[in-house]
PDB file of N, CA and C in Angstrom:
ATOM      1  N   UNK A   1      56.205  58.106   0.043  1.00  0.00           N
ATOM      2  CA  UNK A   1      54.665  59.636   0.258  1.00  0.00           C
ATOM      3  C   UNK A   1      55.267  60.430   1.145  1.00  0.00           C
ATOM      4  N   UNK A   2      54.783  61.493   0.445  1.00  0.00           N
ATOM      5  CA  UNK A   2      55.016  63.069   1.318  1.00  0.00           C
ATOM      6  C   UNK A   2      53.940  63.399   2.453  1.00  0.00           C
ATOM      7  N   UNK A   3      54.993  63.682   3.431  1.00  0.00           N
ATOM      8  CA  UNK A   3      53.575  63.961   4.434  1.00  0.00           C
ATOM      9  C   UNK A   3      52.614  65.006   4.187  1.00  0.00           C
ATOM     10  N   UNK A   4      51.627  65.151   4.576  1.00  0.00           N
ATOM     11  CA  UNK A   4      50.830  66.510   4.590  1.00  0.00           C
ATOM     12  C   UNK A   4      51.078  67.556   4.518  1.00  0.00           C
ATOM     13  N   UNK A   5      51.073  68.845   4.122  1.00  0.00           N
ATOM     14  CA  UNK A   5      51.647  69.985   4.083  1.00  0.00           C
ATOM     15  C   UNK A   5      50.507  71.152   4.345  1.00  0.00           C
ATOM     16  N   UNK A   6      50.536  71.731   5.703  1.00  0.00           N
ATOM     17  CA  UNK A   6      49.444  72.689   5.819  1.00  0.00           C
ATOM     18  C   UNK A   6      50.123  74.374   5.990  1.00  0.00           C
ATOM     19  N   UNK A   7      49.595  75.405   5.592  1.00  0.00           N
ATOM     20  CA  UNK A   7      49.830  76.391   5.301  1.00  0.00           C
ATOM     21  C   UNK A   7      48.463  77.119   5.278  1.00  0.00           C
ATOM     22  N   UNK A   8      48.743  78.914   4.544  1.00  0.00           N
ATOM     23  CA  UNK A   8      47.800  79.635   4.246  1.00  0.00           C
ATOM     24  C   UNK A   8      48.329  80.267   2.901  1.00  0.00           C
ATOM     25  N   UNK A   9      47.444  80.706   2.187  1.00  0.00           N
ATOM     26  CA  UNK A   9      47.480  81.491   0.860  1.00  0.00           C
ATOM     27  C   UNK A   9      46.742  82.708   0.817  1.00  0.00           C
ATOM     28  N   UNK A  10      47.246  84.122   0.559  1.00  0.00           N
ATOM     29  CA  UNK A  10      46.263  84.800  -0.043  1.00  0.00           C
ATOM     30  C   UNK A  10      46.229  85.285  -0.882  1.00  0.00           C
ATOM     31  N   UNK A  11      44.699  85.475  -1.803  1.00  0.00           N
ATOM     32  CA  UNK A  11      44.335  85.745  -2.683  1.00  0.00           C
ATOM     33  C   UNK A  11      43.456  86.911  -3.058  1.00  0.00           C
ATOM     34  N   UNK A  12      43.581  87.449  -4.020  1.00  0.00           N
ATOM     35  CA  UNK A  12      42.894  88.766  -4.261  1.00  0.00           C
ATOM     36  C   UNK A  12      42.058  88.758  -5.567  1.00  0.00           C
ATOM     37  N   UNK A  13      40.869  88.839  -5.395  1.00  0.00           N
ATOM     38  CA  UNK A  13      39.576  88.372  -6.241  1.00  0.00           C
ATOM     39  C   UNK A  13      39.076  89.904  -6.470  1.00  0.00           C
ATOM     40  N   UNK A  14      39.055  90.448  -7.627  1.00  0.00           N
ATOM     41  CA  UNK A  14      38.752  91.669  -8.442  1.00  0.00           C
ATOM     42  C   UNK A  14      37.047  91.658  -7.604  1.00  0.00           C
ATOM     43  N   UNK A  15      36.821  93.011  -6.904  1.00  0.00           N
ATOM     44  CA  UNK A  15      35.221  93.202  -6.464  1.00  0.00           C
ATOM     45  C   UNK A  15      35.134  92.557  -5.559  1.00  0.00           C
ATOM     46  N   UNK A  16      35.729  91.878  -4.873  1.00  0.00           N
ATOM     47  CA  UNK A  16      35.378  91.129  -3.780  1.00  0.00           C
ATOM     48  C   UNK A  16      36.424  91.309  -2.575  1.00  0.00           C
ATOM     49  N   UNK A  17      38.146  91.623  -3.127  1.00  0.00           N
ATOM     50  CA  UNK A  17      38.943  91.746  -2.042  1.00  0.00           C
ATOM     51  C   UNK A  17      39.743  90.678  -2.014  1.00  0.00           C
ATOM     52  N   UNK A  18      40.522  90.709  -0.882  1.00  0.00           N
ATOM     53  CA  UNK A  18      41.527  89.808  -0.286  1.00  0.00           C
ATOM     54  C   UNK A  18      40.835  88.755   0.550  1.00  0.00           C
ATOM     55  N   UNK A  19      41.177  87.453   0.294  1.00  0.00           N
ATOM     56  CA  UNK A  19      40.694  86.181   0.950  1.00  0.00           C
ATOM     57  C   UNK A  19      42.407  85.354   1.476  1.00  0.00           C
ATOM     58  N   UNK A  20      42.013  85.187   2.919  1.00  0.00           N
ATOM     59  CA  UNK A  20      42.855  84.099   3.378  1.00  0.00           C
ATOM     60  C   UNK A  20      42.676  83.124   3.590  1.00  0.00           C
ATOM     61  N   UNK A  21      43.303  81.817   2.802  1.00  0.00           N
ATOM     62  CA  UNK A  21      42.461  80.751   2.971  1.00  0.00           C
ATOM     63  C   UNK A  21      43.669  79.824   3.633  1.00  0.00           C
ATOM     64  N   UNK A  22      43.039  78.690   4.228  1.00  0.00           N
ATOM     65  CA  UNK A  22      44.228  77.561   4.446  1.00  0.00           C
ATOM     66  C   UNK A  22      44.097  76.359   3.732  1.00  0.00           C
ATOM     67  N   UNK A  23      45.249  75.822   3.676  1.00  0.00           N
ATOM     68  CA  UNK A  23      45.368  75.197   2.643  1.00  0.00           C
ATOM     69  C   UNK A  23      45.668  73.661   3.145  1.00  0.00           C
ATOM     70  N   UNK A  24      45.560  72.526   2.568  1.00  0.00           N
ATOM     71  CA  UNK A  24      46.400  71.644   2.969  1.00  0.00           C
ATOM     72  C   UNK A  24      47.066  70.556   1.801  1.00  0.00           C
ATOM     73  N   UNK A  25      47.861  70.511   1.485  1.00  0.00           N
ATOM     74  CA  UNK A  25      48.393  69.612   0.375  1.00  0.00           C
ATOM     75  C   UNK A  25      49.022  67.989   0.969  1.00  0.00           C
ATOM     76  N   UNK A  26      48.292  67.170  -0.574  1.00  0.00           N
ATOM     77  CA  UNK A  26      48.826  66.004   0.179  1.00  0.00           C
ATOM     78  C   UNK A  26      48.768  65.435  -1.131  1.00  0.00           C
ATOM     79  N   UNK A  27      50.043  64.204  -1.061  1.00  0.00           N
ATOM     80  CA  UNK A  27      50.536  63.307  -1.953  1.00  0.00           C
ATOM     81  C   UNK A  27      49.435  62.590  -2.271  1.00  0.00           C
ATOM     82  N   UNK A  28      49.141  62.129  -4.057  1.00  0.00           N
ATOM     83  CA  UNK A  28      48.491  61.545  -4.410  1.00  0.00           C
ATOM     84  C   UNK A  28      48.873  60.165  -4.958  1.00  0.00           C
ATOM     85  N   UNK A  29      49.388  59.112  -4.347  1.00  0.00           N
ATOM     86  CA  UNK A  29      49.760  57.748  -4.061  1.00  0.00           C
ATOM     87  C   UNK A  29      49.755  57.141  -5.534  1.00  0.00           C
ATOM     88  N   UNK A  30      48.650  57.241  -6.137  1.00  0.00           N
ATOM     89  CA  UNK A  30      48.415  56.674  -7.508  1.00  0.00           C
ATOM     90  C   UNK A  30      49.094  57.436  -8.985  1.00  0.00           C
ATOM     91  N   UNK A  31      49.068  58.796  -8.345  1.00  0.00           N
ATOM     92  CA  UNK A  31      49.683  59.302  -9.191  1.00  0.00           C
ATOM     93  C   UNK A  31      51.102  60.032  -9.101  1.00  0.00           C
ATOM     94  N   UNK A  32      52.063  59.455  -8.894  1.00  0.00           N
ATOM     95  CA  UNK A  32      53.477  59.897  -8.773  1.00  0.00           C
ATOM     96  C   UNK A  32      53.398  61.392  -9.225  1.00  0.00           C
ATOM     97  N   UNK A  33      53.766  62.451  -8.322  1.00  0.00           N
ATOM     98  CA  UNK A  33      54.340  63.883  -8.876  1.00  0.00           C
ATOM     99  C   UNK A  33      52.838  64.603  -8.952  1.00  0.00           C
ATOM    100  N   UNK A  34      52.054  63.982  -8.624  1.00  0.00           N
ATOM    101  CA  UNK A  34      50.688  64.908  -8.142  1.00  0.00           C
ATOM    102  C   UNK A  34      50.182  65.297  -6.853  1.00  0.00           C
ATOM    103  N   UNK A  35      49.480  66.315  -6.748  1.00  0.00           N
ATOM    104  CA  UNK A  35      48.909  66.628  -5.536  1.00  0.00           C
ATOM    105  C   UNK A  35      47.631  67.108  -5.376  1.00  0.00           C
ATOM    106  N   UNK A  36      47.495  66.754  -4.661  1.00  0.00           N
ATOM    107  CA  UNK A  36      45.691  67.727  -4.112  1.00  0.00           C
ATOM    108  C   UNK A  36      45.924  68.799  -3.254  1.00  0.00           C
ATOM    109  N   UNK A  37      45.247  69.556  -3.245  1.00  0.00           N
ATOM    110  CA  UNK A  37      45.618  71.226  -2.523  1.00  0.00           C
ATOM    111  C   UNK A  37      43.996  71.413  -2.431  1.00  0.00           C
ATOM    112  N   UNK A  38      43.472  71.501  -1.132  1.00  0.00           N
ATOM    113  CA  UNK A  38      42.557  71.921  -0.619  1.00  0.00           C
ATOM    114  C   UNK A  38      42.597  73.128   0.052  1.00  0.00           C
ATOM    115  N   UNK A  39      41.542  74.123  -0.302  1.00  0.00           N
ATOM    116  CA  UNK A  39      41.858  75.489   0.477  1.00  0.00           C
ATOM    117  C   UNK A  39      40.114  75.474   1.072  1.00  0.00           C
ATOM    118  N   UNK A  40      40.238  76.203   2.557  1.00  0.00           N
ATOM    119  CA  UNK A  40      38.862  76.405   2.903  1.00  0.00           C
ATOM    120  C   UNK A  40      39.531  77.821   4.001  1.00  0.00           C
ATOM    121  N   UNK A  41      38.336  78.264   4.231  1.00  0.00           N
ATOM    122  CA  UNK A  41      38.543  79.689   4.864  1.00  0.00           C
ATOM    123  C   UNK A  41      38.246  79.419   6.097  1.00  0.00           C
ATOM    124  N   UNK A  42      38.294  80.456   7.297  1.00  0.00           N
ATOM    125  CA  UNK A  42      38.572  79.877   8.598  1.00  0.00           C
ATOM    126  C   UNK A  42      36.973  80.265   8.729  1.00  0.00           C
ATOM    127  N   UNK A  43      35.840  79.212   9.529  1.00  0.00           N
ATOM    128  CA  UNK A  43      34.705  79.475   9.787  1.00  0.00           C
ATOM    129  C   UNK A  43      34.118  81.091  10.697  1.00  0.00           C
ATOM    130  N   UNK A  44      33.136  81.804  10.156  1.00  0.00           N
ATOM    131  CA  UNK A  44      33.036  82.911  10.357  1.00  0.00           C
ATOM    132  C   UNK A  44      34.030  84.117  10.075  1.00  0.00           C
ATOM    133  N   UNK A  45      34.935  83.669   9.042  1.00  0.00           N
ATOM    134  CA  UNK A  45      36.011  84.989   9.082  1.00  0.00           C
ATOM    135  C   UNK A  45      35.624  85.868   7.866  1.00  0.00           C
ATOM    136  N   UNK A  46      35.885  86.788   7.285  1.00  0.00           N
ATOM    137  CA  UNK A  46      35.918  87.471   6.316  1.00  0.00           C
ATOM    138  C   UNK A  46      35.720  86.972   4.810  1.00  0.00           C
ATOM    139  N   UNK A  47      37.010  86.096   5.289  1.00  0.00           N
ATOM    140  CA  UNK A  47      37.059  85.305   3.822  1.00  0.00           C
ATOM    141  C   UNK A  47      36.395  84.383   3.756  1.00  0.00           C
ATOM    142  N   UNK A  48      35.309  83.374   4.611  1.00  0.00           N
ATOM    143  CA  UNK A  48      34.286  82.641   4.043  1.00  0.00           C
ATOM    144  C   UNK A  48      33.132  83.464   3.889  1.00  0.00           C
ATOM    145  N   UNK A  49      32.771  84.616   4.198  1.00  0.00           N
ATOM    146  CA  UNK A  49      31.852  85.532   3.563  1.00  0.00           C
ATOM    147  C   UNK A  49      31.776  86.089   2.155  1.00  0.00           C
ATOM    148  N   UNK A  50      33.034  86.298   2.182  1.00  0.00           N
ATOM    149  CA  UNK A  50      33.558  86.811   0.718  1.00  0.00           C
ATOM    150  C   UNK A  50      33.473  85.367  -0.325  1.00  0.00           C
ATOM    151  N   UNK A  51      33.828  84.497   0.279  1.00  0.00           N
ATOM    152  CA  UNK A  51      33.543  83.189  -0.707  1.00  0.00           C
ATOM    153  C   UNK A  51      32.017  82.619  -1.241  1.00  0.00           C
ATOM    154  N   UNK A  52      31.252  83.004  -0.011  1.00  0.00           N
ATOM    155  CA  UNK A  52      30.008  83.077  -0.109  1.00  0.00           C
ATOM    156  C   UNK A  52      29.172  83.950  -1.194  1.00  0.00           C
ATOM    157  N   UNK A  53      29.838  85.288  -1.354  1.00  0.00           N
ATOM    158  CA  UNK A  53      29.457  86.065  -2.346  1.00  0.00           C
ATOM    159  C   UNK A  53      29.662  85.512  -3.685  1.00  0.00           C
ATOM    160  N   UNK A  54      31.276  84.728  -4.177  1.00  0.00           N
ATOM    161  CA  UNK A  54      31.740  84.668  -5.329  1.00  0.00           C
ATOM    162  C   UNK A  54      30.782  83.307  -5.431  1.00  0.00           C
ATOM    163  N   UNK A  55      30.172  82.542  -4.566  1.00  0.00           N
ATOM    164  CA  UNK A  55      29.194  81.091  -4.687  1.00  0.00           C
ATOM    165  C   UNK A  55      28.130  82.075  -5.341  1.00  0.00           C
ATOM    166  N   UNK A  56      27.657  82.695  -4.821  1.00  0.00           N
ATOM    167  CA  UNK A  56      26.137  84.060  -5.251  1.00  0.00           C
ATOM    168  C   UNK A  56      26.424  84.340  -6.483  1.00  0.00           C
ATOM    169  N   UNK A  57      27.316  84.319  -6.912  1.00  0.00           N
ATOM    170  CA  UNK A  57      27.561  85.215  -8.254  1.00  0.00           C
ATOM    171  C   UNK A  57      27.636  84.252  -9.409  1.00  0.00           C
ATOM    172  N   UNK A  58      27.673  82.550  -9.270  1.00  0.00           N
ATOM    173  CA  UNK A  58      28.023  81.469  -9.983  1.00  0.00           C
ATOM    174  C   UNK A  58      26.506  81.538 -10.715  1.00  0.00           C
ATOM    175  N   UNK A  59      26.424  81.423 -12.103  1.00  0.00           N
ATOM    176  CA  UNK A  59      25.507  81.471 -12.847  1.00  0.00           C
ATOM    177  C   UNK A  59      24.545  80.028 -12.491  1.00  0.00           C
TER     178      UNK A  59
END
């Protein structure tokens, strides 16, 4: 089993701008070779507000 991996990633979204999201990667024990990756913005950050804007655009 691989340990949890943490980091951050910068995304550029047209019309929104740059988003810096923290990520955690987990091994999926029941599916060798696959990983679960979770991205989240820091609370109160510009990236969190940008994610709220993206969510508001959903149909």
